[in-house]
Amino acid sequence: MTEKHVTVSCRACDRTETFEKLRTAREFIETHRTETGHEATWELPSLASGVERAGADAGVCGRPECTTTESPLYQDEE
């Protein structure tokens, strides 16, 4: 069975880390941003299409242009 993991990369310092849990990867990104000012990015294993759609509908990427405001999952900032 293939293990799923999250890969975090920072181009500014040419660093790549792999994590088994999304939470640990998010914590690493935040700590790295705080300590270095660098914007690390992550690559996630593929998710079920329903999970990806729900995330997009809820606007989890934070960009208004990729949010479905008519979705019941939409999280308005107000």
N, C-alpha and C. Protein backbone atom coordinates (compact mmCIF):
# COMPACT_ATOMS: atom_id res chain seq x y z
N MET A 1 0.84 -1.17 0.00
CA MET A 1 0.00 0.00 0.00
C MET A 1 0.89 1.24 0.00
N THR A 2 0.56 2.21 -0.82
CA THR A 2 1.32 3.44 -0.92
C THR A 2 0.91 4.40 0.19
N GLU A 3 1.89 4.96 0.90
CA GLU A 3 1.59 5.92 1.94
C GLU A 3 1.31 7.28 1.32
N LYS A 4 0.33 7.96 1.85
CA LYS A 4 0.03 9.31 1.40
C LYS A 4 0.79 10.27 2.29
N HIS A 5 1.32 11.31 1.68
CA HIS A 5 2.04 12.29 2.46
C HIS A 5 1.99 13.65 1.77
N VAL A 6 2.38 14.67 2.52
CA VAL A 6 2.37 16.04 2.04
C VAL A 6 3.81 16.47 1.88
N THR A 7 4.13 17.04 0.72
CA THR A 7 5.48 17.55 0.47
C THR A 7 5.44 19.07 0.51
N VAL A 8 6.29 19.65 1.33
CA VAL A 8 6.39 21.10 1.46
C VAL A 8 7.72 21.53 0.88
N SER A 9 7.67 22.55 0.02
CA SER A 9 8.89 23.05 -0.62
C SER A 9 9.01 24.55 -0.46
N CYS A 10 10.24 25.00 -0.31
CA CYS A 10 10.52 26.43 -0.25
C CYS A 10 11.59 26.73 -1.30
N ARG A 11 11.22 27.46 -2.32
CA ARG A 11 12.18 27.80 -3.38
C ARG A 11 13.26 28.75 -2.90
N ALA A 12 12.89 29.64 -1.96
CA ALA A 12 13.84 30.65 -1.49
C ALA A 12 15.07 30.04 -0.83
N CYS A 13 14.88 28.93 -0.13
CA CYS A 13 16.03 28.31 0.54
C CYS A 13 16.28 26.88 0.04
N ASP A 14 15.61 26.51 -1.04
CA ASP A 14 15.81 25.20 -1.66
C ASP A 14 15.64 24.06 -0.65
N ARG A 15 14.57 24.14 0.12
CA ARG A 15 14.31 23.14 1.16
C ARG A 15 13.03 22.38 0.84
N THR A 16 13.05 21.07 1.04
CA THR A 16 11.88 20.23 0.84
C THR A 16 11.74 19.29 2.03
N GLU A 17 10.54 19.22 2.57
CA GLU A 17 10.24 18.34 3.70
C GLU A 17 9.00 17.52 3.36
N THR A 18 8.90 16.32 3.89
CA THR A 18 7.74 15.46 3.68
C THR A 18 7.11 15.14 5.03
N PHE A 19 5.78 15.21 5.06
CA PHE A 19 5.04 14.97 6.30
C PHE A 19 3.94 13.96 6.04
N GLU A 20 3.63 13.16 7.05
CA GLU A 20 2.55 12.19 6.93
C GLU A 20 1.19 12.83 7.18
N LYS A 21 1.17 13.93 7.95
CA LYS A 21 -0.10 14.55 8.30
C LYS A 21 -0.15 15.99 7.82
N LEU A 22 -1.32 16.39 7.36
CA LEU A 22 -1.54 17.75 6.88
C LEU A 22 -1.29 18.77 7.98
N ARG A 23 -1.72 18.47 9.18
CA ARG A 23 -1.54 19.39 10.31
C ARG A 23 -0.07 19.71 10.52
N THR A 24 0.78 18.70 10.51
CA THR A 24 2.21 18.90 10.73
C THR A 24 2.81 19.74 9.61
N ALA A 25 2.35 19.52 8.39
CA ALA A 25 2.83 20.31 7.25
C ALA A 25 2.42 21.76 7.40
N ARG A 26 1.17 22.01 7.79
CA ARG A 26 0.71 23.40 8.00
C ARG A 26 1.51 24.09 9.09
N GLU A 27 1.79 23.37 10.16
CA GLU A 27 2.58 23.95 11.26
C GLU A 27 3.98 24.28 10.78
N PHE A 28 4.57 23.41 9.97
CA PHE A 28 5.91 23.67 9.43
C PHE A 28 5.90 24.92 8.55
N ILE A 29 4.89 25.03 7.68
CA ILE A 29 4.80 26.19 6.78
C ILE A 29 4.69 27.47 7.59
N GLU A 30 3.86 27.48 8.61
CA GLU A 30 3.68 28.69 9.42
C GLU A 30 4.97 29.05 10.17
N THR A 31 5.61 28.05 10.74
CA THR A 31 6.87 28.29 11.46
C THR A 31 7.94 28.80 10.50
N HIS A 32 8.03 28.18 9.33
CA HIS A 32 9.02 28.59 8.33
C HIS A 32 8.76 30.03 7.88
N ARG A 33 7.50 30.38 7.67
CA ARG A 33 7.14 31.74 7.26
C ARG A 33 7.53 32.74 8.35
N THR A 34 7.24 32.39 9.60
CA THR A 34 7.54 33.28 10.72
C THR A 34 9.05 33.46 10.88
N GLU A 35 9.79 32.38 10.78
CA GLU A 35 11.23 32.44 11.02
C GLU A 35 12.03 33.03 9.87
N THR A 36 11.57 32.80 8.62
CA THR A 36 12.37 33.21 7.46
C THR A 36 11.71 34.27 6.59
N GLY A 37 10.39 34.38 6.67
CA GLY A 37 9.67 35.28 5.77
C GLY A 37 9.42 34.65 4.41
N HIS A 38 9.79 33.40 4.23
CA HIS A 38 9.60 32.69 2.97
C HIS A 38 8.20 32.11 2.87
N GLU A 39 7.69 32.04 1.66
CA GLU A 39 6.38 31.44 1.41
C GLU A 39 6.56 30.03 0.85
N ALA A 40 6.54 29.04 1.72
CA ALA A 40 6.65 27.65 1.29
C ALA A 40 5.32 27.21 0.67
N THR A 41 5.38 26.25 -0.22
CA THR A 41 4.18 25.70 -0.84
C THR A 41 4.12 24.21 -0.55
N TRP A 42 2.92 23.65 -0.71
CA TRP A 42 2.79 22.22 -0.47
C TRP A 42 2.15 21.52 -1.64
N GLU A 43 2.44 20.24 -1.71
CA GLU A 43 1.83 19.36 -2.71
C GLU A 43 1.15 18.26 -1.94
N LEU A 44 -0.15 18.15 -2.15
CA LEU A 44 -0.95 17.17 -1.44
C LEU A 44 -1.17 15.94 -2.29
N PRO A 45 -1.34 14.78 -1.64
CA PRO A 45 -1.73 13.61 -2.41
C PRO A 45 -3.12 13.85 -2.97
N SER A 46 -3.51 13.13 -3.97
CA SER A 46 -4.82 13.37 -4.56
C SER A 46 -5.92 13.07 -3.54
N LEU A 47 -6.95 13.90 -3.59
CA LEU A 47 -8.10 13.74 -2.70
C LEU A 47 -9.29 13.27 -3.51
N ALA A 48 -10.28 12.74 -2.84
CA ALA A 48 -11.51 12.35 -3.53
C ALA A 48 -12.11 13.59 -4.18
N SER A 49 -12.71 13.44 -5.34
CA SER A 49 -13.24 14.59 -6.07
C SER A 49 -14.25 15.38 -5.24
N GLY A 50 -15.04 14.71 -4.41
CA GLY A 50 -16.00 15.42 -3.57
C GLY A 50 -15.32 16.30 -2.53
N VAL A 51 -14.19 15.85 -2.02
CA VAL A 51 -13.44 16.63 -1.04
C VAL A 51 -12.85 17.87 -1.72
N GLU A 52 -12.30 17.69 -2.91
CA GLU A 52 -11.74 18.83 -3.64
C GLU A 52 -12.83 19.85 -3.97
N ARG A 53 -13.98 19.36 -4.41
CA ARG A 53 -15.08 20.27 -4.75
C ARG A 53 -15.59 21.01 -3.52
N ALA A 54 -15.72 20.31 -2.40
CA ALA A 54 -16.18 20.95 -1.18
C ALA A 54 -15.20 22.03 -0.73
N GLY A 55 -13.92 21.76 -0.82
CA GLY A 55 -12.92 22.76 -0.46
C GLY A 55 -12.99 23.97 -1.37
N ALA A 56 -13.16 23.74 -2.65
CA ALA A 56 -13.27 24.84 -3.60
C ALA A 56 -14.54 25.66 -3.32
N ASP A 57 -15.65 24.98 -3.10
CA ASP A 57 -16.91 25.68 -2.81
C ASP A 57 -16.81 26.51 -1.54
N ALA A 58 -16.10 26.01 -0.55
CA ALA A 58 -15.98 26.72 0.71
C ALA A 58 -14.99 27.88 0.63
N GLY A 59 -14.21 27.92 -0.43
CA GLY A 59 -13.25 29.01 -0.60
C GLY A 59 -12.00 28.85 0.23
N VAL A 60 -11.57 27.62 0.46
CA VAL A 60 -10.43 27.40 1.32
C VAL A 60 -9.11 27.91 0.75
N CYS A 61 -9.06 28.15 -0.55
CA CYS A 61 -7.81 28.66 -1.11
C CYS A 61 -7.65 30.14 -0.83
N GLY A 62 -8.74 30.81 -0.43
CA GLY A 62 -8.66 32.20 -0.06
C GLY A 62 -8.75 33.19 -1.20
N ARG A 63 -8.93 32.70 -2.42
CA ARG A 63 -9.03 33.61 -3.56
C ARG A 63 -10.49 33.70 -3.99
N PRO A 64 -11.05 34.90 -4.02
CA PRO A 64 -12.46 35.06 -4.38
C PRO A 64 -12.81 34.49 -5.75
N GLU A 65 -11.88 34.54 -6.67
CA GLU A 65 -12.18 34.06 -8.03
C GLU A 65 -12.35 32.54 -8.12
N CYS A 66 -11.97 31.81 -7.10
CA CYS A 66 -12.18 30.36 -7.15
C CYS A 66 -13.13 29.88 -6.07
N THR A 67 -14.04 30.75 -5.66
CA THR A 67 -15.03 30.42 -4.64
C THR A 67 -16.42 30.38 -5.28
N THR A 68 -17.21 29.40 -4.91
CA THR A 68 -18.59 29.29 -5.38
C THR A 68 -19.50 29.87 -4.31
N THR A 69 -19.87 31.13 -4.47
CA THR A 69 -20.65 31.81 -3.43
C THR A 69 -22.06 31.26 -3.27
N GLU A 70 -22.57 30.54 -4.25
CA GLU A 70 -23.92 29.96 -4.16
C GLU A 70 -23.91 28.64 -3.39
N SER A 71 -22.76 28.10 -3.10
CA SER A 71 -22.66 26.82 -2.40
C SER A 71 -23.01 26.98 -0.92
N PRO A 72 -23.68 25.98 -0.34
CA PRO A 72 -23.95 26.03 1.10
C PRO A 72 -22.66 25.93 1.93
N LEU A 73 -21.57 25.55 1.31
CA LEU A 73 -20.29 25.44 2.01
C LEU A 73 -19.51 26.74 2.01
N TYR A 74 -19.96 27.71 1.27
CA TYR A 74 -19.26 29.00 1.16
C TYR A 74 -19.15 29.66 2.55
N GLN A 75 -17.96 30.12 2.87
CA GLN A 75 -17.74 30.78 4.15
C GLN A 75 -17.46 32.25 3.89
N ASP A 76 -18.47 33.06 4.07
CA ASP A 76 -18.33 34.49 3.87
C ASP A 76 -17.53 35.08 5.03
N GLU A 77 -16.70 36.08 4.74
CA GLU A 77 -15.86 36.69 5.78
C GLU A 77 -16.65 37.58 6.73
N GLU A 78 -17.87 37.90 6.41
CA GLU A 78 -18.67 38.81 7.26
C GLU A 78 -19.18 38.14 8.49
